[in-house]
Structures are given as C-alpha cells and as structure tokens.
Amino acid sequence: MTTSAPSPVLPLLARGLAAGGSAGLLSGLFALLVAGPLMDRAIALEEEREHTGQALALAASLAHGETEVFSRGTQHFGLVVTAVVTGLALGVFFGIAYALLHRRTALSGGDHWMRALTLAGAGFLALSLLPGLRYPASPPGVGDSGTVGDRQLLWLTAMFLGAAGTAAAWRLHRTLAAAGRPAPVRHSAVALVLLATLTVLFLLPPNPDPVRVPAELLWDFRLLSLAGHAVLWAALGAVFGWLGLRYDPAAGRGTFAAAARPAG
C-alpha cells in the first residue's frame, strides 16, 4: 500500500501569508513615513483648489464647524492596515504561483532564496513597473469621482497585459534555453518581448483625468509610489525565500555555505 506525498500548497500558503503580511507592513510603514507627507500636501492642495471653486460640499461643512468623517490619524492607520491586508492576499497568490512553478521541489531540494527573489522580481515587473509606466500613480484627491470605474478598468487591463507579456518573455527564455541558445540571444529575445508589451500598453487610452498638482510634487509622489511597490515585492521575495531555507535546512546550509566559500 502506497501513500501519496503531502501537497506542498498548504505549507507554501502559510509561508506566503507570513511573507505577505511582513511585506505589507513594511510597505505600509514606508508609505506612511516617506510618502505620507507628500500625500498630505497633495490633499491640502486639492482641498484648497476645490474650496476656491466652491465645488465640494465638504468645504461647506467645514466652514460650518463640522469635522471630517475620518481624521488624518485614522486615515494613516487605515493606510497601514490596508497595506498589510493587501500583502496577505498577495502572499497567498505568491505561494500558489511558487507551488505551480516548482511542483517537485517547492518544499525541498531547491534554491528557495533565488527562486523566491526571481518570482518577486517578475511580479514587480509584471504588476507594478510595466503598468506603472503607462499609468503612473497620482496623489489621493486627484481625479474626478465619476471616472473611477474607467481608471480602474484601464489599470486592470494594464496589469493583465503586463502579466501576459512577462509570462511570454519567461516562456520564450525557457524555450531558447532548452534549445541551447546562448545567453545574449535569450536576453535579447526577452528584452524584445518586454519592449513589445510596453508598446501595446501605450496603445491603451490615456488617463481621463487631468492632474492639477505641481510637477515637482507629482514627480516625487510617483517615484515614491514605485519605490513602495519595490519595497513590497522585495520584502515578499526575501521573507518567502528565507522561510524556505528555514523549512528546508539542507538547502539552507548548501546555500549559505556556497555564499560563504571564498572565490578561487
């Protein structure tokens, strides 16, 4: 009588939850401490512009002495909580993707560290960098509430195209490697696929809302927003890979021994 090997999905999901929660907390703190002042400035500018034009009922309520529904402190706390929840969800999908890509060695016998970092880098490229180049982040309070649905649809489309292009580049790289093609050919092919993906992304309609904030503030916010995504993905890959080494001591000893061995 034979027993089947236990599925790697459940332990990988637990690892993904731990890594995602940690990554979400780090990215949330980064957004709060580094990008938070820029968000506050952008919100203040938008409220001043709307108050001058007498376009918001909120401005009228504040003029009568009413308070905001949520204070800035509550909003800051909600920002961190939202980042953690997003990280947890992302960690679950990360664990599932890792299990699908490395079915036989997902739990043991593999280079968990480099695999996790590679997958995190691909995730950042597909779901953050490529869509972000087409539709850069805008500060909160910027944009017409009537176009939220259109903007969300455009962003989801950009994420889908980014993921499809990255997957196609990865598949092409593996096919060329199996055919024995040299590294310059493989890397050039990947670069061409990603360039084609970016070209398709820029064929999508532009952002429907004008951004009425100073150019310097907008540039700084967009750079910090992209940096926040980088923190999220880097922390996710690093914690997930480190937990993989802890779960598989043999692979961990081999990895650290190879890293500590002097060259030559």
Protein backbone atom coordinates (compact mmCIF):
# COMPACT_ATOMS: atom_id res chain seq x y z
CA MET A 1 0.00 0.00 0.00
CA THR A 2 1.47 3.32 -1.01
CA THR A 3 0.73 6.74 0.37
CA SER A 4 0.85 9.87 -1.71
CA ALA A 5 3.21 12.68 -0.79
CA PRO A 6 1.62 15.57 1.05
CA SER A 7 0.66 18.54 -1.07
CA PRO A 8 3.11 21.45 -0.82
CA VAL A 9 0.34 24.00 -1.23
CA LEU A 10 -0.68 24.37 2.44
CA PRO A 11 2.82 24.99 3.87
CA LEU A 12 3.54 27.33 0.98
CA LEU A 13 0.34 29.23 1.68
CA ALA A 14 1.40 29.62 5.32
CA ARG A 15 4.80 30.83 4.16
CA GLY A 16 3.13 33.20 1.73
CA LEU A 17 0.87 34.63 4.44
CA ALA A 18 3.84 35.26 6.73
CA ALA A 19 5.90 36.81 3.94
CA GLY A 20 2.95 38.83 2.60
CA GLY A 21 2.00 40.20 6.00
CA SER A 22 5.59 41.25 6.69
CA ALA A 23 5.96 42.81 3.25
CA GLY A 24 2.64 44.64 3.57
CA LEU A 25 3.64 46.05 6.95
CA LEU A 26 6.99 47.27 5.63
CA SER A 27 5.44 48.86 2.54
CA GLY A 28 2.70 50.44 4.64
CA LEU A 29 5.23 51.97 7.02
CA PHE A 30 7.26 53.17 4.04
CA ALA A 31 4.18 54.83 2.54
CA LEU A 32 3.27 56.38 5.90
CA LEU A 33 6.70 57.70 6.87
CA VAL A 34 8.19 58.57 3.47
CA ALA A 35 5.30 59.17 1.07
CA GLY A 36 2.81 60.34 3.73
CA PRO A 37 3.98 63.98 3.82
CA LEU A 38 3.65 64.21 0.04
CA MET A 39 0.13 62.78 0.19
CA ASP A 40 -0.82 65.32 2.86
CA ARG A 41 0.49 68.16 0.69
CA ALA A 42 -1.40 66.88 -2.36
CA ILE A 43 -4.64 66.55 -0.38
CA ALA A 44 -4.23 70.07 1.03
CA LEU A 45 -3.68 71.50 -2.45
CA GLU A 46 -6.71 69.68 -3.83
CA GLU A 47 -8.93 70.84 -0.97
CA GLU A 48 -7.72 74.41 -1.41
CA ARG A 49 -8.48 74.31 -5.14
CA GLU A 50 -11.95 72.86 -4.58
CA HIS A 51 -12.71 75.32 -1.79
CA THR A 52 -11.72 78.22 -4.05
CA GLY A 53 -14.05 76.96 -6.76
CA GLN A 54 -16.80 76.18 -4.20
CA ALA A 55 -17.17 72.73 -5.73
CA LEU A 56 -17.32 70.41 -2.72
CA ALA A 57 -19.95 70.07 -0.04
CA LEU A 58 -17.15 69.05 2.31
CA ALA A 59 -15.70 72.54 2.18
CA ALA A 60 -19.09 73.96 3.13
CA SER A 61 -19.45 71.57 6.05
CA LEU A 62 -16.02 72.50 7.36
CA ALA A 63 -16.95 76.17 7.08
CA HIS A 64 -19.89 75.50 9.44
CA GLY A 65 -17.61 73.92 12.01
CA GLU A 66 -18.22 70.26 11.17
CA THR A 67 -15.36 67.78 11.38
CA GLU A 68 -14.06 65.30 8.86
CA VAL A 69 -15.57 61.83 8.84
CA PHE A 70 -12.09 60.35 9.33
CA SER A 71 -9.21 62.27 10.85
CA ARG A 72 -5.78 62.20 9.23
CA GLY A 73 -4.53 59.95 12.04
CA THR A 74 -7.29 57.45 11.32
CA GLN A 75 -6.52 57.62 7.61
CA HIS A 76 -2.82 56.96 8.31
CA PHE A 77 -3.71 53.93 10.42
CA GLY A 78 -6.05 52.70 7.69
CA LEU A 79 -3.25 53.07 5.15
CA VAL A 80 -1.02 50.67 7.09
CA VAL A 81 -3.87 48.21 7.72
CA THR A 82 -4.81 48.23 4.03
CA ALA A 83 -1.18 47.59 3.08
CA VAL A 84 -1.00 44.60 5.44
CA VAL A 85 -4.24 43.12 4.10
CA THR A 86 -3.03 43.63 0.53
CA GLY A 87 0.26 41.96 1.42
CA LEU A 88 -1.53 38.96 2.93
CA ALA A 89 -3.62 38.47 -0.22
CA LEU A 90 -0.55 38.90 -2.42
CA GLY A 91 1.36 36.40 -0.30
CA VAL A 92 -1.32 33.75 -0.88
CA PHE A 93 -1.12 34.18 -4.66
CA PHE A 94 2.68 34.23 -4.43
CA GLY A 95 2.69 30.89 -2.63
CA ILE A 96 0.32 29.35 -5.19
CA ALA A 97 2.44 30.63 -8.08
CA TYR A 98 5.59 29.27 -6.44
CA ALA A 99 3.95 25.86 -6.00
CA LEU A 100 2.85 25.78 -9.65
CA LEU A 101 6.25 26.78 -10.97
CA HIS A 102 8.22 24.38 -8.78
CA ARG A 103 5.91 21.42 -8.31
CA ARG A 104 8.57 18.82 -7.45
CA THR A 105 10.98 20.91 -5.42
CA ALA A 106 8.71 23.54 -3.90
CA LEU A 107 9.45 22.36 -0.35
CA SER A 108 12.87 20.74 -0.55
CA GLY A 109 15.82 20.28 -2.82
CA GLY A 110 15.72 23.67 -4.49
CA ASP A 111 17.35 27.09 -4.27
CA HIS A 112 14.43 28.70 -2.43
CA TRP A 113 16.19 32.03 -1.97
CA MET A 114 16.95 32.74 -5.64
CA ARG A 115 13.65 31.26 -6.80
CA ALA A 116 11.66 33.50 -4.46
CA LEU A 117 13.63 36.60 -5.40
CA THR A 118 13.24 35.81 -9.12
CA LEU A 119 9.50 35.32 -8.79
CA ALA A 120 9.19 38.53 -6.77
CA GLY A 121 11.17 40.41 -9.40
CA ALA A 122 8.91 39.06 -12.13
CA GLY A 123 5.86 40.09 -10.10
CA PHE A 124 7.20 43.61 -9.65
CA LEU A 125 7.91 43.86 -13.38
CA ALA A 126 4.54 42.47 -14.48
CA LEU A 127 2.15 44.01 -11.95
CA SER A 128 3.88 47.20 -10.83
CA LEU A 129 6.57 48.53 -13.17
CA LEU A 130 5.03 47.92 -16.61
CA PRO A 131 1.51 49.12 -15.67
CA GLY A 132 3.03 51.98 -13.67
CA LEU A 133 4.96 53.24 -16.67
CA ARG A 134 1.71 53.57 -18.62
CA TYR A 135 -0.47 54.81 -15.76
CA PRO A 136 1.75 56.40 -13.10
CA ALA A 137 0.25 56.83 -9.65
CA SER A 138 -1.49 60.10 -8.82
CA PRO A 139 -1.81 61.60 -5.34
CA PRO A 140 -5.07 60.97 -3.43
CA GLY A 141 -7.79 63.51 -4.05
CA VAL A 142 -6.74 63.95 -7.69
CA GLY A 143 -9.26 62.95 -10.33
CA ASP A 144 -12.98 63.02 -10.94
CA SER A 145 -15.01 60.53 -8.88
CA GLY A 146 -17.13 59.87 -11.97
CA THR A 147 -14.17 58.32 -13.82
CA VAL A 148 -13.09 55.92 -11.06
CA GLY A 149 -14.56 52.92 -12.88
CA ASP A 150 -12.82 53.82 -16.14
CA ARG A 151 -9.49 54.31 -14.38
CA GLN A 152 -9.78 51.00 -12.55
CA LEU A 153 -10.59 49.19 -15.78
CA LEU A 154 -7.58 50.74 -17.51
CA TRP A 155 -5.31 49.77 -14.63
CA LEU A 156 -6.59 46.18 -14.56
CA THR A 157 -6.10 45.93 -18.32
CA ALA A 158 -2.55 47.22 -17.96
CA MET A 159 -1.85 44.67 -15.21
CA PHE A 160 -3.20 41.85 -17.37
CA LEU A 161 -1.05 42.91 -20.33
CA GLY A 162 1.99 43.27 -18.09
CA ALA A 163 1.47 39.80 -16.64
CA ALA A 164 0.88 38.29 -20.09
CA GLY A 165 3.98 39.93 -21.53
CA THR A 166 6.17 38.85 -18.63
CA ALA A 167 4.86 35.28 -18.84
CA ALA A 168 5.54 35.23 -22.59
CA ALA A 169 9.09 36.50 -22.03
CA TRP A 170 9.71 33.84 -19.39
CA ARG A 171 8.34 31.09 -21.60
CA LEU A 172 10.45 32.22 -24.55
CA HIS A 173 13.55 32.32 -22.36
CA ARG A 174 12.96 28.73 -21.23
CA THR A 175 12.32 27.54 -24.78
CA LEU A 176 15.53 29.13 -26.06
CA ALA A 177 17.49 27.76 -23.11
CA ALA A 178 16.19 24.23 -23.82
CA ALA A 179 17.26 24.67 -27.45
CA GLY A 180 20.79 25.55 -26.32
CA ARG A 181 20.72 29.18 -27.42
CA PRO A 182 23.43 31.38 -25.88
CA ALA A 183 22.64 33.91 -23.17
CA PRO A 184 22.86 37.01 -25.44
CA VAL A 185 20.18 35.53 -27.72
CA ARG A 186 17.91 34.64 -24.79
CA HIS A 187 18.28 38.02 -23.12
CA SER A 188 17.74 39.92 -26.36
CA ALA A 189 14.58 37.94 -27.05
CA VAL A 190 13.24 38.68 -23.56
CA ALA A 191 14.02 42.39 -23.98
CA LEU A 192 12.16 42.46 -27.32
CA VAL A 193 9.09 40.80 -25.82
CA LEU A 194 9.03 43.26 -22.93
CA LEU A 195 9.51 46.19 -25.31
CA ALA A 196 6.59 44.93 -27.40
CA THR A 197 4.49 44.63 -24.23
CA LEU A 198 5.30 48.20 -23.28
CA THR A 199 4.37 49.34 -26.78
CA VAL A 200 0.98 47.65 -26.50
CA LEU A 201 0.45 49.27 -23.10
CA PHE A 202 0.98 52.72 -24.57
CA LEU A 203 -1.70 51.99 -27.16
CA LEU A 204 -4.25 52.00 -24.33
CA PRO A 205 -6.28 55.19 -23.76
CA PRO A 206 -4.63 57.85 -21.60
CA ASN A 207 -5.67 58.73 -18.07
CA PRO A 208 -9.05 60.50 -18.43
CA ASP A 209 -8.43 63.00 -15.60
CA PRO A 210 -6.05 65.96 -15.60
CA VAL A 211 -3.61 66.07 -12.68
CA ARG A 212 -3.64 69.56 -11.17
CA VAL A 213 -0.72 69.39 -8.77
CA PRO A 214 2.75 70.94 -9.06
CA ALA A 215 5.04 68.95 -11.34
CA GLU A 216 7.72 68.53 -8.67
CA LEU A 217 5.24 67.16 -6.15
CA LEU A 218 3.73 64.82 -8.75
CA TRP A 219 7.16 63.52 -9.81
CA ASP A 220 8.25 62.89 -6.22
CA PHE A 221 4.98 61.13 -5.39
CA ARG A 222 5.20 58.84 -8.39
CA LEU A 223 8.80 57.90 -7.65
CA LEU A 224 7.96 57.14 -4.03
CA SER A 225 4.89 55.16 -5.08
CA LEU A 226 7.03 53.00 -7.35
CA ALA A 227 9.60 52.65 -4.57
CA GLY A 228 6.82 51.47 -2.25
CA HIS A 229 5.93 48.75 -4.74
CA ALA A 230 9.60 47.76 -4.90
CA VAL A 231 9.74 47.52 -1.09
CA LEU A 232 6.63 45.32 -1.09
CA TRP A 233 7.91 42.87 -3.71
CA ALA A 234 11.48 42.79 -2.39
CA ALA A 235 10.34 42.08 1.16
CA LEU A 236 7.88 39.45 -0.08
CA GLY A 237 10.55 37.60 -2.03
CA ALA A 238 13.19 37.90 0.70
CA VAL A 239 10.98 36.71 3.57
CA PHE A 240 9.45 33.93 1.48
CA GLY A 241 12.91 32.73 0.39
CA TRP A 242 14.32 32.93 3.93
CA LEU A 243 11.41 30.91 5.27
CA GLY A 244 12.08 28.37 2.53
CA LEU A 245 15.65 27.98 3.75
CA ARG A 246 14.40 27.57 7.31
CA TYR A 247 11.87 24.96 6.21
CA ASP A 248 14.49 23.05 4.19
CA PRO A 249 17.67 23.06 6.35
CA ALA A 250 19.71 21.07 3.82
CA ALA A 251 19.09 23.65 1.11
CA GLY A 252 19.77 26.44 3.58
CA ARG A 253 23.14 25.00 4.62
CA GLY A 254 24.10 24.48 0.99
CA THR A 255 23.12 27.99 0.02
CA PHE A 256 24.89 29.72 2.89
CA ALA A 257 27.95 27.51 2.54
CA ALA A 258 28.23 28.35 -1.14
CA ALA A 259 27.84 32.06 -0.39
CA ALA A 260 30.50 31.94 2.33
CA ARG A 261 33.02 29.91 0.31
CA PRO A 262 35.87 32.18 -0.92
CA ALA A 263 36.30 32.60 -4.65
CA GLY A 264 39.12 30.76 -6.37
